[in-house]
Amino acid sequence: MIIVRPIQQSDLKALHRIAIESGHGFTSLPVNEKLLKQRINHAEESFNKAVTQAGKEGYLFVMEDSKTGEVVGTSGIEAAVGLDDAFYHYHLGKVVHSSRELNIYNTVETLSLCNDYTGASEICTLFLSDSHRKDNNGRFLSRFRFLFIAEHKARFSETIIAEMRGVSDEQGRSPFWQWLEEHFFSMDFPTADYLTGIGKKVFIAELMPKYPIYVNLLSKGAQAVIDKVHPQTVPALRLLEAEGFARRGYVDIFDAGPTVESHVNSIKTVNESRRCQVIIGAVQSTDNYIICNSKVTNFRATQTALSLRETAKQVVITQKVADALLVKEGDWVRLVAN
């Protein structure tokens, strides 16, 4: 059985392996054992903390194959970004240059550095090993987070965002960053990306151009990748768009990948999820659901067939599933059709 649970100290080796597998552009998982350990510590503190409003908490989960005990993926939620370190984006805007006398009217796109998403909750750090990219595991690893948010809304902001990985090659070279590097930074993309991942963001404020950048002054290669996603990220973007996430003109300052957002109550999984009481027994249905318990520290989620009794707000699950979810008969769970 595939389950999702909060990360713990014993997962450090697996998280380090995932950080290596994820490659360039995966800023939230730097290949640095000390920082990964700090990330785990922060997650454990967050899961154990009594919370009444979104703050500096960071929730990191792992996907585990219960047959082997192997950790095969990870997924996270930041409760409120930008409260400690500035959270930067470029916003795509327009400037009009016109002269009625000369009958000239030109519209020019601009990129303006901003911190507009400060305080928003961010879904992040999604990675699944190749061996388990099947059986809807990728969808499950993304969507369960919305069940967690729906069950514990007080812990999160009303605005939920996701930064999508932008275009870069196998060596981690970003066409967008190459232009910035040439004119402002003298630092390659993997290095800048790594420094951001380990929390050293001061250089952004020190070196990033403060005034709007005219897009038509960028190289053709840089212009071509603005608001575009890495080929491997296309399925994740489509899934989020199906959930109701949309682009609002914000892009990453390093690779120009898009940021998508949604109000928490507009997310499809949040709206369609329901709370039910557990009945343990034989399951007649083959309908597949994502289901989680109502806990925080001992949170568990899985995908499974179950029998739903909608009128009575009850759900029938097997003893095996109940054990995996750490629930007993009469406990409340949250679920959504997969």
Foldseek 3Di string as FASTA:
>chain_A
DKKKWFDAQVCLVVLLVQLVVVAAQQLQRFNDSVLSNVVSVQQLCLLPDDFQAADQGKTKMFIADVVVRHTFWIKIKGAFPCPVHQDKWWFKDWDWDDDPVVGDIDIFIWTAIDRVRGGAMEIGRTDGHPVPPDPCVSVLNPLVVLVLCLLPVSHHDQKYKYAAGFDDDNVNAALQQVQCCVPWNVDGLRVQSNCVSSPNCVVCVVTPDRDIDTLVVTDPRNSVGAQHHYPVRVVVVVSQVVQVWDFDRIAHPRRNHTMTMDGSCSGNSSVQKAKAFEDADDFPFQFKKWKWFSGRNGIMIDIGHWAADPVRRHIYDHPVVCVRRVHDGGGMMMMHGD
